[in-house]
All heavy atoms as atom14 arrays in JSON, in Angstrom:
{
  "sequence": "VAIGLVEGAARAEIRAAVEAAIAASGFATGRVGLSEFVPAYDA",
  "atom14_mask": [
    [1, 1, 1, 1, 1, 1, 1, 0, 0, 0, 0, 0, 0, 0],
    [1, 1, 1, 1, 1, 0, 0, 0, 0, 0, 0, 0, 0, 0],
    [1, 1, 1, 1, 1, 1, 1, 1, 0, 0, 0, 0, 0, 0],
    [1, 1, 1, 1, 0, 0, 0, 0, 0, 0, 0, 0, 0, 0],
    [1, 1, 1, 1, 1, 1, 1, 1, 0, 0, 0, 0, 0, 0],
    [1, 1, 1, 1, 1, 1, 1, 0, 0, 0, 0, 0, 0, 0],
    [1, 1, 1, 1, 1, 1, 1, 1, 1, 0, 0, 0, 0, 0],
    [1, 1, 1, 1, 0, 0, 0, 0, 0, 0, 0, 0, 0, 0],
    [1, 1, 1, 1, 1, 0, 0, 0, 0, 0, 0, 0, 0, 0],
    [1, 1, 1, 1, 1, 0, 0, 0, 0, 0, 0, 0, 0, 0],
    [1, 1, 1, 1, 1, 1, 1, 1, 1, 1, 1, 0, 0, 0],
    [1, 1, 1, 1, 1, 0, 0, 0, 0, 0, 0, 0, 0, 0],
    [1, 1, 1, 1, 1, 1, 1, 1, 1, 0, 0, 0, 0, 0],
    [1, 1, 1, 1, 1, 1, 1, 1, 0, 0, 0, 0, 0, 0],
    [1, 1, 1, 1, 1, 1, 1, 1, 1, 1, 1, 0, 0, 0],
    [1, 1, 1, 1, 1, 0, 0, 0, 0, 0, 0, 0, 0, 0],
    [1, 1, 1, 1, 1, 0, 0, 0, 0, 0, 0, 0, 0, 0],
    [1, 1, 1, 1, 1, 1, 1, 0, 0, 0, 0, 0, 0, 0],
    [1, 1, 1, 1, 1, 1, 1, 1, 1, 0, 0, 0, 0, 0],
    [1, 1, 1, 1, 1, 0, 0, 0, 0, 0, 0, 0, 0, 0],
    [1, 1, 1, 1, 1, 0, 0, 0, 0, 0, 0, 0, 0, 0],
    [1, 1, 1, 1, 1, 1, 1, 1, 0, 0, 0, 0, 0, 0],
    [1, 1, 1, 1, 1, 0, 0, 0, 0, 0, 0, 0, 0, 0],
    [1, 1, 1, 1, 1, 0, 0, 0, 0, 0, 0, 0, 0, 0],
    [1, 1, 1, 1, 1, 1, 0, 0, 0, 0, 0, 0, 0, 0],
    [1, 1, 1, 1, 0, 0, 0, 0, 0, 0, 0, 0, 0, 0],
    [1, 1, 1, 1, 1, 1, 1, 1, 1, 1, 1, 0, 0, 0],
    [1, 1, 1, 1, 1, 0, 0, 0, 0, 0, 0, 0, 0, 0],
    [1, 1, 1, 1, 1, 1, 1, 0, 0, 0, 0, 0, 0, 0],
    [1, 1, 1, 1, 0, 0, 0, 0, 0, 0, 0, 0, 0, 0],
    [1, 1, 1, 1, 1, 1, 1, 1, 1, 1, 1, 0, 0, 0],
    [1, 1, 1, 1, 1, 1, 1, 0, 0, 0, 0, 0, 0, 0],
    [1, 1, 1, 1, 0, 0, 0, 0, 0, 0, 0, 0, 0, 0],
    [1, 1, 1, 1, 1, 1, 1, 1, 0, 0, 0, 0, 0, 0],
    [1, 1, 1, 1, 1, 1, 0, 0, 0, 0, 0, 0, 0, 0],
    [1, 1, 1, 1, 1, 1, 1, 1, 1, 0, 0, 0, 0, 0],
    [1, 1, 1, 1, 1, 1, 1, 1, 1, 1, 1, 0, 0, 0],
    [1, 1, 1, 1, 1, 1, 1, 0, 0, 0, 0, 0, 0, 0],
    [1, 1, 1, 1, 1, 1, 1, 0, 0, 0, 0, 0, 0, 0],
    [1, 1, 1, 1, 1, 0, 0, 0, 0, 0, 0, 0, 0, 0],
    [1, 1, 1, 1, 1, 1, 1, 1, 1, 1, 1, 1, 0, 0],
    [1, 1, 1, 1, 1, 1, 1, 1, 0, 0, 0, 0, 0, 0],
    [1, 1, 1, 1, 1, 0, 0, 0, 0, 0, 0, 0, 0, 0]
  ],
  "atom14_positions": [
    [[-20.65, 17.82, -10.16], [-19.53, 17.48, -11.04], [-18.33, 17.09, -10.19], [-18.0, 17.75, -9.19], [-19.17, 18.66, -11.95], [-17.86, 18.4, -12.7], [-20.29, 18.93, -12.95], [0.0, 0.0, 0.0], [0.0, 0.0, 0.0], [0.0, 0.0, 0.0], [0.0, 0.0, 0.0], [0.0, 0.0, 0.0], [0.0, 0.0, 0.0], [0.0, 0.0, 0.0]],
    [[-17.68, 16.0, -10.56], [-16.44, 15.58, -9.91], [-15.3, 15.68, -10.92], [-15.5, 15.44, -12.12], [-16.55, 14.15, -9.4], [0.0, 0.0, 0.0], [0.0, 0.0, 0.0], [0.0, 0.0, 0.0], [0.0, 0.0, 0.0], [0.0, 0.0, 0.0], [0.0, 0.0, 0.0], [0.0, 0.0, 0.0], [0.0, 0.0, 0.0], [0.0, 0.0, 0.0]],
    [[-14.13, 16.05, -10.43], [-12.97, 16.25, -11.29], [-11.95, 15.15, -11.03], [-11.59, 14.87, -9.88], [-12.33, 17.63, -11.04], [-13.3, 18.74, -11.46], [-11.02, 17.76, -11.81], [-12.78, 20.14, -11.22], [0.0, 0.0, 0.0], [0.0, 0.0, 0.0], [0.0, 0.0, 0.0], [0.0, 0.0, 0.0], [0.0, 0.0, 0.0], [0.0, 0.0, 0.0]],
    [[-11.5, 14.52, -12.1], [-10.47, 13.5, -11.99], [-9.1, 14.08, -12.26], [-8.86, 14.63, -13.33], [0.0, 0.0, 0.0], [0.0, 0.0, 0.0], [0.0, 0.0, 0.0], [0.0, 0.0, 0.0], [0.0, 0.0, 0.0], [0.0, 0.0, 0.0], [0.0, 0.0, 0.0], [0.0, 0.0, 0.0], [0.0, 0.0, 0.0], [0.0, 0.0, 0.0]],
    [[-8.21, 13.99, -11.29], [-6.84, 14.48, -11.46], [-6.03, 13.41, -12.18], [-5.87, 12.29, -11.69], [-6.22, 14.78, -10.09], [-6.71, 16.08, -9.45], [-6.51, 16.04, -7.94], [-5.99, 17.28, -10.04], [0.0, 0.0, 0.0], [0.0, 0.0, 0.0], [0.0, 0.0, 0.0], [0.0, 0.0, 0.0], [0.0, 0.0, 0.0], [0.0, 0.0, 0.0]],
    [[-5.54, 13.76, -13.37], [-4.81, 12.81, -14.2], [-3.38, 12.7, -13.72], [-2.68, 13.71, -13.56], [-4.85, 13.24, -15.68], [-4.04, 12.27, -16.54], [-6.29, 13.31, -16.18], [0.0, 0.0, 0.0], [0.0, 0.0, 0.0], [0.0, 0.0, 0.0], [0.0, 0.0, 0.0], [0.0, 0.0, 0.0], [0.0, 0.0, 0.0], [0.0, 0.0, 0.0]],
    [[-2.94, 11.49, -13.48], [-1.57, 11.26, -13.04], [-0.62, 11.41, -14.23], [-0.93, 11.02, -15.35], [-1.45, 9.85, -12.44], [-2.32, 9.66, -11.21], [-2.4, 8.21, -10.77], [-1.82, 7.35, -11.47], [-3.05, 7.94, -9.75], [0.0, 0.0, 0.0], [0.0, 0.0, 0.0], [0.0, 0.0, 0.0], [0.0, 0.0, 0.0], [0.0, 0.0, 0.0]],
    [[0.54, 12.01, -13.97], [1.51, 12.19, -15.04], [2.68, 13.02, -14.57], [2.62, 13.68, -13.53], [0.0, 0.0, 0.0], [0.0, 0.0, 0.0], [0.0, 0.0, 0.0], [0.0, 0.0, 0.0], [0.0, 0.0, 0.0], [0.0, 0.0, 0.0], [0.0, 0.0, 0.0], [0.0, 0.0, 0.0], [0.0, 0.0, 0.0], [0.0, 0.0, 0.0]],
    [[3.75, 13.0, -15.36], [4.97, 13.68, -14.97], [4.84, 15.18, -15.21], [4.44, 15.61, -16.3], [6.15, 13.13, -15.77], [0.0, 0.0, 0.0], [0.0, 0.0, 0.0], [0.0, 0.0, 0.0], [0.0, 0.0, 0.0], [0.0, 0.0, 0.0], [0.0, 0.0, 0.0], [0.0, 0.0, 0.0], [0.0, 0.0, 0.0], [0.0, 0.0, 0.0]],
    [[5.15, 15.98, -14.2], [5.19, 17.43, -14.32], [6.08, 17.98, -13.2], [6.25, 17.34, -12.15], [3.8, 18.04, -14.23], [0.0, 0.0, 0.0], [0.0, 0.0, 0.0], [0.0, 0.0, 0.0], [0.0, 0.0, 0.0], [0.0, 0.0, 0.0], [0.0, 0.0, 0.0], [0.0, 0.0, 0.0], [0.0, 0.0, 0.0], [0.0, 0.0, 0.0]],
    [[6.63, 19.15, -13.42], [7.47, 19.83, -12.44], [6.69, 20.01, -11.13], [5.49, 20.29, -11.14], [7.88, 21.18, -13.02], [8.86, 21.98, -12.21], [9.43, 23.05, -13.09], [10.16, 24.07, -12.34], [10.94, 24.98, -12.92], [11.08, 24.99, -14.25], [11.57, 25.89, -12.21], [0.0, 0.0, 0.0], [0.0, 0.0, 0.0], [0.0, 0.0, 0.0]],
    [[7.38, 19.86, -10.02], [6.72, 19.84, -8.72], [5.9, 21.09, -8.45], [4.77, 21.01, -7.96], [7.76, 19.65, -7.61], [0.0, 0.0, 0.0], [0.0, 0.0, 0.0], [0.0, 0.0, 0.0], [0.0, 0.0, 0.0], [0.0, 0.0, 0.0], [0.0, 0.0, 0.0], [0.0, 0.0, 0.0], [0.0, 0.0, 0.0], [0.0, 0.0, 0.0]],
    [[6.44, 22.29, -8.79], [5.7, 23.52, -8.52], [4.41, 23.59, -9.33], [3.4, 24.11, -8.87], [6.56, 24.76, -8.88], [7.89, 24.84, -8.16], [9.02, 24.38, -9.06], [9.0, 23.19, -9.48], [9.9, 25.2, -9.36], [0.0, 0.0, 0.0], [0.0, 0.0, 0.0], [0.0, 0.0, 0.0], [0.0, 0.0, 0.0], [0.0, 0.0, 0.0]],
    [[4.47, 23.07, -10.56], [3.28, 23.1, -11.42], [2.24, 22.12, -10.89], [1.04, 22.46, -10.8], [3.66, 22.77, -12.87], [4.62, 23.84, -13.42], [2.41, 22.65, -13.75], [5.19, 23.53, -14.78], [0.0, 0.0, 0.0], [0.0, 0.0, 0.0], [0.0, 0.0, 0.0], [0.0, 0.0, 0.0], [0.0, 0.0, 0.0], [0.0, 0.0, 0.0]],
    [[2.68, 20.94, -10.56], [1.75, 19.95, -10.01], [1.09, 20.49, -8.74], [-0.12, 20.34, -8.55], [2.51, 18.65, -9.72], [1.71, 17.56, -9.04], [0.55, 17.06, -9.87], [0.98, 16.38, -11.08], [0.13, 15.88, -11.98], [-1.18, 16.02, -11.8], [0.57, 15.29, -13.07], [0.0, 0.0, 0.0], [0.0, 0.0, 0.0], [0.0, 0.0, 0.0]],
    [[1.86, 21.14, -7.87], [1.3, 21.69, -6.63], [0.29, 22.79, -6.93], [-0.76, 22.88, -6.28], [2.43, 22.23, -5.74], [0.0, 0.0, 0.0], [0.0, 0.0, 0.0], [0.0, 0.0, 0.0], [0.0, 0.0, 0.0], [0.0, 0.0, 0.0], [0.0, 0.0, 0.0], [0.0, 0.0, 0.0], [0.0, 0.0, 0.0], [0.0, 0.0, 0.0]],
    [[0.57, 23.64, -7.91], [-0.36, 24.72, -8.26], [-1.66, 24.18, -8.82], [-2.75, 24.7, -8.52], [0.3, 25.66, -9.27], [0.0, 0.0, 0.0], [0.0, 0.0, 0.0], [0.0, 0.0, 0.0], [0.0, 0.0, 0.0], [0.0, 0.0, 0.0], [0.0, 0.0, 0.0], [0.0, 0.0, 0.0], [0.0, 0.0, 0.0], [0.0, 0.0, 0.0]],
    [[-1.58, 23.13, -9.62], [-2.78, 22.5, -10.17], [-3.62, 21.88, -9.05], [-4.84, 22.08, -8.99], [-2.39, 21.44, -11.22], [-3.55, 20.51, -11.53], [-1.89, 22.11, -12.49], [0.0, 0.0, 0.0], [0.0, 0.0, 0.0], [0.0, 0.0, 0.0], [0.0, 0.0, 0.0], [0.0, 0.0, 0.0], [0.0, 0.0, 0.0], [0.0, 0.0, 0.0]],
    [[-2.96, 21.17, -8.16], [-3.69, 20.51, -7.07], [-4.34, 21.56, -6.16], [-5.47, 21.37, -5.7], [-2.74, 19.62, -6.27], [-2.06, 18.55, -7.12], [-2.41, 17.14, -6.69], [-3.1, 16.98, -5.68], [-1.99, 16.21, -7.4], [0.0, 0.0, 0.0], [0.0, 0.0, 0.0], [0.0, 0.0, 0.0], [0.0, 0.0, 0.0], [0.0, 0.0, 0.0]],
    [[-3.64, 22.66, -5.92], [-4.2, 23.72, -5.07], [-5.42, 24.36, -5.72], [-6.42, 24.65, -5.05], [-3.13, 24.78, -4.79], [0.0, 0.0, 0.0], [0.0, 0.0, 0.0], [0.0, 0.0, 0.0], [0.0, 0.0, 0.0], [0.0, 0.0, 0.0], [0.0, 0.0, 0.0], [0.0, 0.0, 0.0], [0.0, 0.0, 0.0], [0.0, 0.0, 0.0]],
    [[-5.36, 24.59, -7.04], [-6.49, 25.19, -7.75], [-7.71, 24.28, -7.7], [-8.84, 24.73, -7.47], [-6.11, 25.48, -9.19], [0.0, 0.0, 0.0], [0.0, 0.0, 0.0], [0.0, 0.0, 0.0], [0.0, 0.0, 0.0], [0.0, 0.0, 0.0], [0.0, 0.0, 0.0], [0.0, 0.0, 0.0], [0.0, 0.0, 0.0], [0.0, 0.0, 0.0]],
    [[-7.51, 22.99, -7.88], [-8.63, 22.04, -7.85], [-9.17, 21.92, -6.43], [-10.39, 21.87, -6.2], [-8.2, 20.68, -8.41], [-7.78, 20.81, -9.88], [-9.33, 19.66, -8.27], [-8.84, 21.36, -10.8], [0.0, 0.0, 0.0], [0.0, 0.0, 0.0], [0.0, 0.0, 0.0], [0.0, 0.0, 0.0], [0.0, 0.0, 0.0], [0.0, 0.0, 0.0]],
    [[-8.27, 21.91, -5.45], [-8.71, 21.81, -4.05], [-9.55, 23.01, -3.65], [-10.51, 22.89, -2.86], [-7.5, 21.69, -3.14], [0.0, 0.0, 0.0], [0.0, 0.0, 0.0], [0.0, 0.0, 0.0], [0.0, 0.0, 0.0], [0.0, 0.0, 0.0], [0.0, 0.0, 0.0], [0.0, 0.0, 0.0], [0.0, 0.0, 0.0], [0.0, 0.0, 0.0]],
    [[-9.23, 24.19, -4.19], [-9.97, 25.41, -3.85], [-11.26, 25.56, -4.64], [-12.06, 26.46, -4.37], [-9.08, 26.63, -4.08], [0.0, 0.0, 0.0], [0.0, 0.0, 0.0], [0.0, 0.0, 0.0], [0.0, 0.0, 0.0], [0.0, 0.0, 0.0], [0.0, 0.0, 0.0], [0.0, 0.0, 0.0], [0.0, 0.0, 0.0], [0.0, 0.0, 0.0]],
    [[-11.47, 24.68, -5.61], [-12.58, 24.86, -6.54], [-13.94, 24.48, -5.96], [-14.98, 24.89, -6.48], [-12.34, 24.02, -7.81], [-12.46, 22.63, -7.52], [0.0, 0.0, 0.0], [0.0, 0.0, 0.0], [0.0, 0.0, 0.0], [0.0, 0.0, 0.0], [0.0, 0.0, 0.0], [0.0, 0.0, 0.0], [0.0, 0.0, 0.0], [0.0, 0.0, 0.0]],
    [[-13.92, 23.65, -4.92], [-15.18, 23.19, -4.35], [-15.73, 21.93, -5.0], [-16.76, 21.4, -4.56], [0.0, 0.0, 0.0], [0.0, 0.0, 0.0], [0.0, 0.0, 0.0], [0.0, 0.0, 0.0], [0.0, 0.0, 0.0], [0.0, 0.0, 0.0], [0.0, 0.0, 0.0], [0.0, 0.0, 0.0], [0.0, 0.0, 0.0], [0.0, 0.0, 0.0]],
    [[-15.06, 21.41, -6.02], [-15.52, 20.19, -6.68], [-14.95, 18.96, -5.98], [-13.83, 18.97, -5.46], [-15.07, 20.16, -8.14], [-15.75, 21.17, -9.02], [-15.09, 22.33, -9.4], [-17.05, 20.97, -9.45], [-15.71, 23.27, -10.21], [-17.69, 21.91, -10.26], [-17.02, 23.06, -10.64], [0.0, 0.0, 0.0], [0.0, 0.0, 0.0], [0.0, 0.0, 0.0]],
    [[-15.73, 17.88, -5.96], [-15.22, 16.59, -5.5], [-14.14, 16.13, -6.47], [-14.18, 16.44, -7.66], [-16.35, 15.58, -5.44], [0.0, 0.0, 0.0], [0.0, 0.0, 0.0], [0.0, 0.0, 0.0], [0.0, 0.0, 0.0], [0.0, 0.0, 0.0], [0.0, 0.0, 0.0], [0.0, 0.0, 0.0], [0.0, 0.0, 0.0], [0.0, 0.0, 0.0]],
    [[-13.16, 15.41, -5.97], [-12.04, 14.98, -6.8], [-11.71, 13.52, -6.59], [-12.1, 12.9, -5.6], [-10.78, 15.82, -6.5], [-10.39, 15.61, -5.14], [-11.02, 17.3, -6.74], [0.0, 0.0, 0.0], [0.0, 0.0, 0.0], [0.0, 0.0, 0.0], [0.0, 0.0, 0.0], [0.0, 0.0, 0.0], [0.0, 0.0, 0.0], [0.0, 0.0, 0.0]],
    [[-10.98, 12.98, -7.54], [-10.43, 11.63, -7.46], [-9.21, 11.56, -8.35], [-8.81, 12.56, -8.95], [0.0, 0.0, 0.0], [0.0, 0.0, 0.0], [0.0, 0.0, 0.0], [0.0, 0.0, 0.0], [0.0, 0.0, 0.0], [0.0, 0.0, 0.0], [0.0, 0.0, 0.0], [0.0, 0.0, 0.0], [0.0, 0.0, 0.0], [0.0, 0.0, 0.0]],
    [[-8.62, 10.38, -8.44], [-7.4, 10.19, -9.24], [-7.71, 9.34, -10.47], [-8.52, 8.41, -10.41], [-6.32, 9.51, -8.4], [-5.9, 10.29, -7.17], [-4.95, 11.41, -7.53], [-4.7, 12.3, -6.4], [-3.87, 13.33, -6.44], [-3.2, 13.58, -7.56], [-3.7, 14.11, -5.4], [0.0, 0.0, 0.0], [0.0, 0.0, 0.0], [0.0, 0.0, 0.0]],
    [[-7.04, 9.66, -11.57], [-7.24, 8.96, -12.83], [-5.89, 8.6, -13.42], [-5.0, 9.46, -13.51], [-8.02, 9.84, -13.84], [-8.09, 9.16, -15.21], [-9.42, 10.12, -13.33], [0.0, 0.0, 0.0], [0.0, 0.0, 0.0], [0.0, 0.0, 0.0], [0.0, 0.0, 0.0], [0.0, 0.0, 0.0], [0.0, 0.0, 0.0], [0.0, 0.0, 0.0]],
    [[-5.74, 7.37, -13.83], [-4.56, 6.94, -14.56], [-4.92, 6.67, -16.01], [-5.94, 6.02, -16.28], [0.0, 0.0, 0.0], [0.0, 0.0, 0.0], [0.0, 0.0, 0.0], [0.0, 0.0, 0.0], [0.0, 0.0, 0.0], [0.0, 0.0, 0.0], [0.0, 0.0, 0.0], [0.0, 0.0, 0.0], [0.0, 0.0, 0.0], [0.0, 0.0, 0.0]],
    [[-4.13, 7.19, -16.94], [-4.36, 6.96, -18.37], [-3.11, 6.29, -18.94], [-2.15, 6.97, -19.33], [-4.65, 8.28, -19.09], [-5.92, 9.04, -18.66], [-5.99, 10.4, -19.36], [-7.16, 8.21, -18.97], [0.0, 0.0, 0.0], [0.0, 0.0, 0.0], [0.0, 0.0, 0.0], [0.0, 0.0, 0.0], [0.0, 0.0, 0.0], [0.0, 0.0, 0.0]],
    [[-3.11, 4.97, -19.0], [-1.91, 4.23, -19.4], [-1.55, 4.47, -20.87], [-0.39, 4.27, -21.26], [-2.12, 2.73, -19.17], [-3.21, 2.25, -19.93], [0.0, 0.0, 0.0], [0.0, 0.0, 0.0], [0.0, 0.0, 0.0], [0.0, 0.0, 0.0], [0.0, 0.0, 0.0], [0.0, 0.0, 0.0], [0.0, 0.0, 0.0], [0.0, 0.0, 0.0]],
    [[-2.5, 4.91, -21.68], [-2.24, 5.15, -23.1], [-1.78, 6.58, -23.37], [-1.66, 6.97, -24.54], [-3.51, 4.85, -23.91], [-3.92, 3.39, -23.92], [-2.92, 2.53, -24.68], [-2.42, 2.96, -25.75], [-2.61, 1.42, -24.2], [0.0, 0.0, 0.0], [0.0, 0.0, 0.0], [0.0, 0.0, 0.0], [0.0, 0.0, 0.0], [0.0, 0.0, 0.0]],
    [[-1.53, 7.37, -22.32], [-1.25, 8.8, -22.53], [0.03, 9.01, -23.33], [0.03, 9.77, -24.32], [-1.15, 9.5, -21.16], [-1.32, 10.99, -21.23], [-2.56, 11.56, -21.01], [-0.26, 11.84, -21.51], [-2.75, 12.94, -21.08], [-0.43, 13.21, -21.58], [-1.69, 13.75, -21.36], [0.0, 0.0, 0.0], [0.0, 0.0, 0.0], [0.0, 0.0, 0.0]],
    [[1.11, 8.4, -22.93], [2.39, 8.6, -23.63], [2.33, 8.03, -25.05], [2.76, 8.69, -26.01], [3.57, 8.02, -22.83], [4.85, 8.06, -23.64], [3.75, 8.8, -21.53], [0.0, 0.0, 0.0], [0.0, 0.0, 0.0], [0.0, 0.0, 0.0], [0.0, 0.0, 0.0], [0.0, 0.0, 0.0], [0.0, 0.0, 0.0], [0.0, 0.0, 0.0]],
    [[1.78, 6.81, -25.25], [1.61, 6.35, -26.63], [0.76, 7.3, -27.48], [1.03, 7.49, -28.67], [0.92, 4.99, -26.47], [1.36, 4.51, -25.12], [1.46, 5.75, -24.27], [0.0, 0.0, 0.0], [0.0, 0.0, 0.0], [0.0, 0.0, 0.0], [0.0, 0.0, 0.0], [0.0, 0.0, 0.0], [0.0, 0.0, 0.0], [0.0, 0.0, 0.0]],
    [[-0.25, 7.94, -26.86], [-1.09, 8.88, -27.6], [-0.31, 10.13, -28.0], [-0.52, 10.69, -29.08], [-2.31, 9.26, -26.77], [0.0, 0.0, 0.0], [0.0, 0.0, 0.0], [0.0, 0.0, 0.0], [0.0, 0.0, 0.0], [0.0, 0.0, 0.0], [0.0, 0.0, 0.0], [0.0, 0.0, 0.0], [0.0, 0.0, 0.0], [0.0, 0.0, 0.0]],
    [[0.59, 10.57, -27.13], [1.44, 11.71, -27.46], [2.29, 11.39, -28.69], [2.38, 12.19, -29.63], [2.33, 12.04, -26.25], [3.44, 13.02, -26.54], [3.17, 14.37, -26.74], [4.76, 12.59, -26.63], [4.19, 15.26, -27.02], [5.79, 13.48, -26.9], [5.5, 14.81, -27.1], [6.51, 15.69, -27.37], [0.0, 0.0, 0.0], [0.0, 0.0, 0.0]],
    [[2.9, 10.21, -28.69], [3.74, 9.81, -29.82], [2.91, 9.62, -31.09], [3.31, 10.05, -32.18], [4.48, 8.52, -29.49], [5.49, 8.68, -28.36], [6.01, 9.8, -28.19], [5.75, 7.69, -27.64], [0.0, 0.0, 0.0], [0.0, 0.0, 0.0], [0.0, 0.0, 0.0], [0.0, 0.0, 0.0], [0.0, 0.0, 0.0], [0.0, 0.0, 0.0]],
    [[1.75, 9.0, -30.95], [0.88, 8.78, -32.11], [0.39, 10.09, -32.69], [0.25, 10.25, -33.91], [-0.29, 7.88, -31.72], [0.0, 0.0, 0.0], [0.0, 0.0, 0.0], [0.0, 0.0, 0.0], [0.0, 0.0, 0.0], [0.0, 0.0, 0.0], [0.0, 0.0, 0.0], [0.0, 0.0, 0.0], [0.0, 0.0, 0.0], [0.0, 0.0, 0.0]]
  ]
}
């Protein structure tokens, strides 16, 4: 299983904690952009 880290705005400490948890998980990772994310929030 590979985990895609979704790009998006978040407080620096929270983003760092998420990245650290995924890095320690042992799963392969990559980056994911979801351009419809903010429109989906509004919708």
